[in-house]
């Protein structure tokens, strides 16, 4: 009888340990899945940010060129730049 109780306790303990291992394995799998999605998301965001910075760089250069052209046009314009319109 004592042997049967001990065997039953060991079997229950073994089942409990097996269930814990299964639960931990499932949690690790879920974490690995989340990590994979997060890695993919980070890479996608990195690519988007890189493309945006390239576009910002192009636009900044274009703005500087337009600013320079505006100053050249103002310098070469005939007459005072702030001349009031003639009154009729």
PDB file of N, CA and C in Angstrom:
ATOM      1  N   UNK A   1       0.820  -1.181   0.000  1.00  0.00           N
ATOM      2  CA  UNK A   1       0.000   0.000   0.000  1.00  0.00           C
ATOM      3  C   UNK A   1       0.870   1.253   0.000  1.00  0.00           C
ATOM      4  N   UNK A   2       1.904   1.301   0.832  1.00  0.00           N
ATOM      5  CA  UNK A   2       2.807   2.448   0.892  1.00  0.00           C
ATOM      6  C   UNK A   2       3.523   2.620  -0.440  1.00  0.00           C
ATOM      7  N   UNK A   3       3.884   1.493  -1.062  1.00  0.00           N
ATOM      8  CA  UNK A   3       4.553   1.547  -2.359  1.00  0.00           C
ATOM      9  C   UNK A   3       3.618   2.133  -3.401  1.00  0.00           C
ATOM     10  N   UNK A   4       2.335   1.772  -3.370  1.00  0.00           N
ATOM     11  CA  UNK A   4       1.369   2.296  -4.341  1.00  0.00           C
ATOM     12  C   UNK A   4       1.191   3.798  -4.170  1.00  0.00           C
ATOM     13  N   UNK A   5       1.137   4.266  -2.894  1.00  0.00           N
ATOM     14  CA  UNK A   5       0.999   5.710  -2.656  1.00  0.00           C
ATOM     15  C   UNK A   5       2.226   6.462  -3.172  1.00  0.00           C
ATOM     16  N   UNK A   6       3.402   5.916  -2.914  1.00  0.00           N
ATOM     17  CA  UNK A   6       4.642   6.535  -3.371  1.00  0.00           C
ATOM     18  C   UNK A   6       4.692   6.557  -4.897  1.00  0.00           C
ATOM     19  N   UNK A   7       4.302   5.471  -5.507  1.00  0.00           N
ATOM     20  CA  UNK A   7       4.290   5.394  -6.975  1.00  0.00           C
ATOM     21  C   UNK A   7       3.296   6.396  -7.534  1.00  0.00           C
ATOM     22  N   UNK A   8       2.157   6.533  -6.903  1.00  0.00           N
ATOM     23  CA  UNK A   8       1.128   7.471  -7.357  1.00  0.00           C
ATOM     24  C   UNK A   8       1.637   8.904  -7.216  1.00  0.00           C
ATOM     25  N   UNK A   9       2.308   9.215  -6.099  1.00  0.00           N
ATOM     26  CA  UNK A   9       2.856  10.552  -5.891  1.00  0.00           C
ATOM     27  C   UNK A   9       3.939  10.858  -6.920  1.00  0.00           C
ATOM     28  N   UNK A  10       4.802   9.916  -7.199  1.00  0.00           N
ATOM     29  CA  UNK A  10       5.854  10.112  -8.195  1.00  0.00           C
ATOM     30  C   UNK A  10       5.256  10.322  -9.578  1.00  0.00           C
ATOM     31  N   UNK A  11       4.204   9.575  -9.879  1.00  0.00           N
ATOM     32  CA  UNK A  11       3.541   9.707 -11.180  1.00  0.00           C
ATOM     33  C   UNK A  11       2.885  11.071 -11.290  1.00  0.00           C
ATOM     34  N   UNK A  12       2.259  11.514 -10.230  1.00  0.00           N
ATOM     35  CA  UNK A  12       1.626  12.830 -10.228  1.00  0.00           C
ATOM     36  C   UNK A  12       2.682  13.918 -10.356  1.00  0.00           C
ATOM     37  N   UNK A  13       3.766  13.764  -9.632  1.00  0.00           N
ATOM     38  CA  UNK A  13       4.865  14.726  -9.696  1.00  0.00           C
ATOM     39  C   UNK A  13       5.448  14.738 -11.112  1.00  0.00           C
ATOM     40  N   UNK A  14       5.617  13.582 -11.709  1.00  0.00           N
ATOM     41  CA  UNK A  14       6.147  13.482 -13.068  1.00  0.00           C
ATOM     42  C   UNK A  14       5.223  14.149 -14.073  1.00  0.00           C
ATOM     43  N   UNK A  15       3.920  13.972 -13.900  1.00  0.00           N
ATOM     44  CA  UNK A  15       2.945  14.603 -14.781  1.00  0.00           C
ATOM     45  C   UNK A  15       2.994  16.118 -14.609  1.00  0.00           C
ATOM     46  N   UNK A  16       3.119  16.552 -13.360  1.00  0.00           N
ATOM     47  CA  UNK A  16       3.194  17.989 -13.078  1.00  0.00           C
ATOM     48  C   UNK A  16       4.441  18.604 -13.726  1.00  0.00           C
ATOM     49  N   UNK A  17       5.564  17.929 -13.604  1.00  0.00           N
ATOM     50  CA  UNK A  17       6.810  18.416 -14.213  1.00  0.00           C
ATOM     51  C   UNK A  17       6.671  18.438 -15.728  1.00  0.00           C
ATOM     52  N   UNK A  18       6.078  17.409 -16.293  1.00  0.00           N
ATOM     53  CA  UNK A  18       5.867  17.346 -17.740  1.00  0.00           C
ATOM     54  C   UNK A  18       4.973  18.491 -18.192  1.00  0.00           C
ATOM     55  N   UNK A  19       3.917  18.777 -17.433  1.00  0.00           N
ATOM     56  CA  UNK A  19       3.027  19.889 -17.780  1.00  0.00           C
ATOM     57  C   UNK A  19       3.746  21.229 -17.675  1.00  0.00           C
ATOM     58  N   UNK A  20       4.600  21.386 -16.666  1.00  0.00           N
ATOM     59  CA  UNK A  20       5.371  22.616 -16.526  1.00  0.00           C
ATOM     60  C   UNK A  20       6.318  22.802 -17.707  1.00  0.00           C
ATOM     61  N   UNK A  21       6.968  21.713 -18.099  1.00  0.00           N
ATOM     62  CA  UNK A  21       7.892  21.780 -19.245  1.00  0.00           C
ATOM     63  C   UNK A  21       7.118  22.139 -20.505  1.00  0.00           C
ATOM     64  N   UNK A  22       5.948  21.557 -20.678  1.00  0.00           N
ATOM     65  CA  UNK A  22       5.128  21.848 -21.850  1.00  0.00           C
ATOM     66  C   UNK A  22       4.699  23.315 -21.838  1.00  0.00           C
ATOM     67  N   UNK A  23       4.285  23.802 -20.675  1.00  0.00           N
ATOM     68  CA  UNK A  23       3.877  25.198 -20.557  1.00  0.00           C
ATOM     69  C   UNK A  23       5.044  26.128 -20.850  1.00  0.00           C
ATOM     70  N   UNK A  24       6.199  25.842 -20.291  1.00  0.00           N
ATOM     71  CA  UNK A  24       7.380  26.674 -20.541  1.00  0.00           C
ATOM     72  C   UNK A  24       7.791  26.636 -22.012  1.00  0.00           C
ATOM     73  N   UNK A  25       7.706  25.471 -22.612  1.00  0.00           N
ATOM     74  CA  UNK A  25       8.028  25.341 -24.038  1.00  0.00           C
ATOM     75  C   UNK A  25       7.077  26.181 -24.879  1.00  0.00           C
ATOM     76  N   UNK A  26       5.794  26.166 -24.547  1.00  0.00           N
ATOM     77  CA  UNK A  26       4.813  26.971 -25.282  1.00  0.00           C
ATOM     78  C   UNK A  26       5.085  28.462 -25.107  1.00  0.00           C
ATOM     79  N   UNK A  27       5.457  28.851 -23.894  1.00  0.00           N
ATOM     80  CA  UNK A  27       5.777  30.254 -23.650  1.00  0.00           C
ATOM     81  C   UNK A  27       7.011  30.674 -24.431  1.00  0.00           C
ATOM     82  N   UNK A  28       8.021  29.833 -24.471  1.00  0.00           N
ATOM     83  CA  UNK A  28       9.239  30.140 -25.231  1.00  0.00           C
ATOM     84  C   UNK A  28       8.912  30.244 -26.714  1.00  0.00           C
ATOM     85  N   UNK A  29       8.094  29.332 -27.226  1.00  0.00           N
ATOM     86  CA  UNK A  29       7.697  29.387 -28.637  1.00  0.00           C
ATOM     87  C   UNK A  29       6.967  30.692 -28.938  1.00  0.00           C
ATOM     88  N   UNK A  30       6.059  31.091 -28.032  1.00  0.00           N
ATOM     89  CA  UNK A  30       5.312  32.339 -28.233  1.00  0.00           C
ATOM     90  C   UNK A  30       6.264  33.539 -28.227  1.00  0.00           C
ATOM     91  N   UNK A  31       7.228  33.536 -27.322  1.00  0.00           N
ATOM     92  CA  UNK A  31       8.202  34.631 -27.268  1.00  0.00           C
ATOM     93  C   UNK A  31       9.080  34.673 -28.517  1.00  0.00           C
ATOM     94  N   UNK A  32       9.494  33.514 -28.991  1.00  0.00           N
ATOM     95  CA  UNK A  32      10.308  33.463 -30.206  1.00  0.00           C
ATOM     96  C   UNK A  32       9.519  33.977 -31.405  1.00  0.00           C
ATOM     97  N   UNK A  33       8.235  33.656 -31.461  1.00  0.00           N
ATOM     98  CA  UNK A  33       7.380  34.138 -32.550  1.00  0.00           C
ATOM     99  C   UNK A  33       7.266  35.654 -32.485  1.00  0.00           C
ATOM    100  N   UNK A  34       7.006  36.186 -31.291  1.00  0.00           N
ATOM    101  CA  UNK A  34       6.909  37.635 -31.126  1.00  0.00           C
ATOM    102  C   UNK A  34       8.220  38.305 -31.509  1.00  0.00           C
ATOM    103  N   UNK A  35       9.328  37.727 -31.108  1.00  0.00           N
ATOM    104  CA  UNK A  35      10.639  38.284 -31.426  1.00  0.00           C
ATOM    105  C   UNK A  35      10.855  38.336 -32.937  1.00  0.00           C
ATOM    106  N   UNK A  36      10.455  37.283 -33.617  1.00  0.00           N
ATOM    107  CA  UNK A  36      10.616  37.251 -35.075  1.00  0.00           C
ATOM    108  C   UNK A  36       9.794  38.367 -35.723  1.00  0.00           C
ATOM    109  N   UNK A  37       8.542  38.558 -35.284  1.00  0.00           N
ATOM    110  CA  UNK A  37       7.717  39.636 -35.829  1.00  0.00           C
ATOM    111  C   UNK A  37       8.303  41.002 -35.486  1.00  0.00           C
ATOM    112  N   UNK A  38       8.823  41.153 -34.279  1.00  0.00           N
ATOM    113  CA  UNK A  38       9.420  42.422 -33.886  1.00  0.00           C
ATOM    114  C   UNK A  38      10.676  42.712 -34.704  1.00  0.00           C
ATOM    115  N   UNK A  39      11.484  41.709 -34.947  1.00  0.00           N
ATOM    116  CA  UNK A  39      12.671  41.894 -35.789  1.00  0.00           C
ATOM    117  C   UNK A  39      12.275  42.354 -37.189  1.00  0.00           C
ATOM    118  N   UNK A  40      11.230  41.738 -37.744  1.00  0.00           N
ATOM    119  CA  UNK A  40      10.755  42.108 -39.069  1.00  0.00           C
ATOM    120  C   UNK A  40      10.223  43.547 -39.064  1.00  0.00           C
ATOM    121  N   UNK A  41       9.478  43.898 -38.034  1.00  0.00           N
ATOM    122  CA  UNK A  41       8.940  45.248 -37.927  1.00  0.00           C
ATOM    123  C   UNK A  41      10.057  46.277 -37.799  1.00  0.00           C
ATOM    124  N   UNK A  42      11.049  45.984 -36.993  1.00  0.00           N
ATOM    125  CA  UNK A  42      12.181  46.895 -36.822  1.00  0.00           C
ATOM    126  C   UNK A  42      12.911  47.087 -38.149  1.00  0.00           C
ATOM    127  N   UNK A  43      13.120  46.023 -38.892  1.00  0.00           N
ATOM    128  CA  UNK A  43      13.803  46.127 -40.184  1.00  0.00           C
ATOM    129  C   UNK A  43      12.978  46.961 -41.161  1.00  0.00           C
ATOM    130  N   UNK A  44      11.664  46.748 -41.188  1.00  0.00           N
ATOM    131  CA  UNK A  44      10.786  47.521 -42.068  1.00  0.00           C
ATOM    132  C   UNK A  44      10.820  48.999 -41.704  1.00  0.00           C
ATOM    133  N   UNK A  45      10.756  49.306 -40.406  1.00  0.00           N
ATOM    134  CA  UNK A  45      10.811  50.697 -39.961  1.00  0.00           C
ATOM    135  C   UNK A  45      12.168  51.317 -40.280  1.00  0.00           C
ATOM    136  N   UNK A  46      13.225  50.560 -40.127  1.00  0.00           N
ATOM    137  CA  UNK A  46      14.566  51.064 -40.448  1.00  0.00           C
ATOM    138  C   UNK A  46      14.663  51.434 -41.924  1.00  0.00           C
ATOM    139  N   UNK A  47      14.119  50.597 -42.774  1.00  0.00           N
ATOM    140  CA  UNK A  47      14.141  50.885 -44.209  1.00  0.00           C
ATOM    141  C   UNK A  47      13.331  52.136 -44.523  1.00  0.00           C
ATOM    142  N   UNK A  48      12.183  52.282 -43.863  1.00  0.00           N
ATOM    143  CA  UNK A  48      11.346  53.467 -44.085  1.00  0.00           C
ATOM    144  C   UNK A  48      12.065  54.729 -43.634  1.00  0.00           C
ATOM    145  N   UNK A  49      12.696  54.676 -42.481  1.00  0.00           N
ATOM    146  CA  UNK A  49      13.414  55.846 -41.968  1.00  0.00           C
ATOM    147  C   UNK A  49      14.581  56.199 -42.880  1.00  0.00           C
ATOM    148  N   UNK A  50      15.302  55.199 -43.358  1.00  0.00           N
ATOM    149  CA  UNK A  50      16.421  55.449 -44.263  1.00  0.00           C
ATOM    150  C   UNK A  50      15.936  56.128 -45.546  1.00  0.00           C
ATOM    151  N   UNK A  51      14.836  55.645 -46.103  1.00  0.00           N
ATOM    152  CA  UNK A  51      14.282  56.250 -47.319  1.00  0.00           C
ATOM    153  C   UNK A  51      13.828  57.688 -47.050  1.00  0.00           C
ATOM    154  N   UNK A  52      13.226  57.922 -45.890  1.00  0.00           N
ATOM    155  CA  UNK A  52      12.779  59.272 -45.556  1.00  0.00           C
ATOM    156  C   UNK A  52      13.960  60.229 -45.406  1.00  0.00           C
ATOM    157  N   UNK A  53      15.037  59.780 -44.772  1.00  0.00           N
ATOM    158  CA  UNK A  53      16.207  60.644 -44.623  1.00  0.00           C
ATOM    159  C   UNK A  53      16.828  60.968 -45.969  1.00  0.00           C
ATOM    160  N   UNK A  54      16.834  60.004 -46.877  1.00  0.00           N
ATOM    161  CA  UNK A  54      17.352  60.279 -48.219  1.00  0.00           C
ATOM    162  C   UNK A  54      16.494  61.329 -48.910  1.00  0.00           C
ATOM    163  N   UNK A  55      15.175  61.195 -48.766  1.00  0.00           N
ATOM    164  CA  UNK A  55      14.256  62.168 -49.370  1.00  0.00           C
ATOM    165  C   UNK A  55      14.433  63.543 -48.725  1.00  0.00           C
ATOM    166  N   UNK A  56      14.599  63.596 -47.417  1.00  0.00           N
ATOM    167  CA  UNK A  56      14.824  64.870 -46.721  1.00  0.00           C
ATOM    168  C   UNK A  56      16.105  65.517 -47.219  1.00  0.00           C
ATOM    169  N   UNK A  57      17.148  64.724 -47.425  1.00  0.00           N
ATOM    170  CA  UNK A  57      18.410  65.252 -47.921  1.00  0.00           C
ATOM    171  C   UNK A  57      18.235  65.863 -49.305  1.00  0.00           C
ATOM    172  N   UNK A  58      17.526  65.168 -50.187  1.00  0.00           N
ATOM    173  CA  UNK A  58      17.276  65.678 -51.541  1.00  0.00           C
ATOM    174  C   UNK A  58      16.478  66.980 -51.472  1.00  0.00           C
ATOM    175  N   UNK A  59      15.435  66.992 -50.661  1.00  0.00           N
ATOM    176  CA  UNK A  59      14.594  68.178 -50.551  1.00  0.00           C
ATOM    177  C   UNK A  59      15.352  69.361 -49.938  1.00  0.00           C
ATOM    178  N   UNK A  60      16.225  69.097 -48.986  1.00  0.00           N
ATOM    179  CA  UNK A  60      17.030  70.157 -48.373  1.00  0.00           C
ATOM    180  C   UNK A  60      17.957  70.782 -49.407  1.00  0.00           C
ATOM    181  N   UNK A  61      18.571  69.962 -50.234  1.00  0.00           N
ATOM    182  CA  UNK A  61      19.440  70.488 -51.292  1.00  0.00           C
ATOM    183  C   UNK A  61      18.642  71.308 -52.306  1.00  0.00           C
ATOM    184  N   UNK A  62      17.458  70.798 -52.678  1.00  0.00           N
ATOM    185  CA  UNK A  62      16.619  71.532 -53.626  1.00  0.00           C
ATOM    186  C   UNK A  62      16.183  72.878 -53.048  1.00  0.00           C
ATOM    187  N   UNK A  63      15.836  72.898 -51.775  1.00  0.00           N
ATOM    188  CA  UNK A  63      15.437  74.145 -51.126  1.00  0.00           C
ATOM    189  C   UNK A  63      16.583  75.148 -51.125  1.00  0.00           C
ATOM    190  N   UNK A  64      17.792  74.678 -50.839  1.00  0.00           N
ATOM    191  CA  UNK A  64      18.959  75.561 -50.842  1.00  0.00           C
ATOM    192  C   UNK A  64      19.188  76.126 -52.251  1.00  0.00           C
ATOM    193  N   UNK A  65      19.028  75.294 -53.275  1.00  0.00           N
ATOM    194  CA  UNK A  65      19.207  75.762 -54.651  1.00  0.00           C
ATOM    195  C   UNK A  65      18.143  76.802 -55.007  1.00  0.00           C
ATOM    196  N   UNK A  66      16.903  76.548 -54.617  1.00  0.00           N
ATOM    197  CA  UNK A  66      15.828  77.503 -54.910  1.00  0.00           C
ATOM    198  C   UNK A  66      16.044  78.816 -54.161  1.00  0.00           C
ATOM    199  N   UNK A  67      16.527  78.724 -52.950  1.00  0.00           N
ATOM    200  CA  UNK A  67      16.817  79.916 -52.167  1.00  0.00           C
ATOM    201  C   UNK A  67      17.903  80.754 -52.858  1.00  0.00           C
ATOM    202  N   UNK A  68      18.923  80.081 -53.333  1.00  0.00           N
ATOM    203  CA  UNK A  68      20.004  80.764 -54.047  1.00  0.00           C
ATOM    204  C   UNK A  68      19.484  81.398 -55.338  1.00  0.00           C
ATOM    205  N   UNK A  69      18.652  80.688 -56.074  1.00  0.00           N
ATOM    206  CA  UNK A  69      18.083  81.226 -57.315  1.00  0.00           C
ATOM    207  C   UNK A  69      17.209  82.436 -57.033  1.00  0.00           C
ATOM    208  N   UNK A  70      16.474  82.414 -55.937  1.00  0.00           N
ATOM    209  CA  UNK A  70      15.616  83.538 -55.580  1.00  0.00           C
ATOM    210  C   UNK A  70      16.467  84.774 -55.275  1.00  0.00           C
ATOM    211  N   UNK A  71      17.540  84.573 -54.520  1.00  0.00           N
ATOM    212  CA  UNK A  71      18.427  85.699 -54.226  1.00  0.00           C
ATOM    213  C   UNK A  71      19.055  86.260 -55.505  1.00  0.00           C
ATOM    214  N   UNK A  72      19.459  85.400 -56.432  1.00  0.00           N
ATOM    215  CA  UNK A  72      20.016  85.855 -57.702  1.00  0.00           C
ATOM    216  C   UNK A  72      18.975  86.629 -58.508  1.00  0.00           C
ATOM    217  N   UNK A  73      17.738  86.124 -58.526  1.00  0.00           N
ATOM    218  CA  UNK A  73      16.671  86.794 -59.272  1.00  0.00           C
ATOM    219  C   UNK A  73      16.364  88.161 -58.659  1.00  0.00           C
ATOM    220  N   UNK A  74      16.344  88.235 -57.326  1.00  0.00           N
ATOM    221  CA  UNK A  74      16.084  89.517 -56.665  1.00  0.00           C
ATOM    222  C   UNK A  74      17.226  90.504 -56.939  1.00  0.00           C
ATOM    223  N   UNK A  75      18.452  90.010 -56.955  1.00  0.00           N
ATOM    224  CA  UNK A  75      19.600  90.881 -57.193  1.00  0.00           C
ATOM    225  C   UNK A  75      19.609  91.404 -58.624  1.00  0.00           C
ATOM    226  N   UNK A  76      19.122  90.633 -59.565  1.00  0.00           N
ATOM    227  CA  UNK A  76      19.130  91.021 -60.977  1.00  0.00           C
ATOM    228  C   UNK A  76      17.838  91.695 -61.414  1.00  0.00           C
ATOM    229  N   UNK A  77      16.877  91.835 -60.520  1.00  0.00           N
ATOM    230  CA  UNK A  77      15.597  92.446 -60.885  1.00  0.00           C
ATOM    231  C   UNK A  77      15.784  93.947 -61.060  1.00  0.00           C
ATOM    232  N   UNK A  78      15.131  94.539 -62.080  1.00  0.00           N
ATOM    233  CA  UNK A  78      15.251  95.988 -62.279  1.00  0.00           C
ATOM    234  C   UNK A  78      14.446  96.746 -61.221  1.00  0.00           C
ATOM    235  N   UNK A  79      14.947  97.863 -60.788  1.00  0.00           N
ATOM    236  CA  UNK A  79      14.232  98.736 -59.856  1.00  0.00           C
ATOM    237  C   UNK A  79      14.259  98.201 -58.439  1.00  0.00           C
ATOM    238  N   UNK A  80      13.827  99.038 -57.522  1.00  0.00           N
ATOM    239  CA  UNK A  80      13.802  98.608 -56.129  1.00  0.00           C
ATOM    240  C   UNK A  80      12.805  97.479 -55.917  1.00  0.00           C
ATOM    241  N   UNK A  81      13.151  96.560 -55.047  1.00  0.00           N
ATOM    242  CA  UNK A  81      12.297  95.407 -54.814  1.00  0.00           C
ATOM    243  C   UNK A  81      11.040  95.776 -54.070  1.00  0.00           C
ATOM    244  N   UNK A  82      11.083  96.826 -53.251  1.00  0.00           N
ATOM    245  CA  UNK A  82       9.924  97.197 -52.434  1.00  0.00           C
ATOM    246  C   UNK A  82       9.239  98.463 -52.969  1.00  0.00           C
ATOM    247  N   UNK A  83       9.355  98.737 -54.229  1.00  0.00           N
ATOM    248  CA  UNK A  83       8.753  99.928 -54.820  1.00  0.00           C
ATOM    249  C   UNK A  83       7.234  99.810 -54.785  1.00  0.00           C
ATOM    250  N   UNK A  84       6.551 100.786 -54.281  1.00  0.00           N
ATOM    251  CA  UNK A  84       5.095 100.714 -54.261  1.00  0.00           C
ATOM    252  C   UNK A  84       4.540 100.842 -55.678  1.00  0.00           C
ATOM    253  N   UNK A  85       3.394 100.263 -55.917  1.00  0.00           N
ATOM    254  CA  UNK A  85       2.825 100.351 -57.279  1.00  0.00           C
ATOM    255  C   UNK A  85       2.398 101.796 -57.576  1.00  0.00           C
ATOM    256  N   UNK A  86       2.433 102.156 -58.850  1.00  0.00           N
ATOM    257  CA  UNK A  86       2.049 103.543 -59.196  1.00  0.00           C
ATOM    258  C   UNK A  86       0.551 103.755 -58.941  1.00  0.00           C
ATOM    259  N   UNK A  87       0.229 104.970 -58.500  1.00  0.00           N
ATOM    260  CA  UNK A  87      -1.191 105.319 -58.251  1.00  0.00           C
ATOM    261  C   UNK A  87      -1.755 105.985 -59.486  1.00  0.00           C
ATOM    262  N   UNK A  88      -2.998 105.684 -59.808  1.00  0.00           N
ATOM    263  CA  UNK A  88      -3.628 106.259 -60.983  1.00  0.00           C
ATOM    264  C   UNK A  88      -4.496 107.406 -60.596  1.00  0.00           C
TER     265      UNK A  88
END
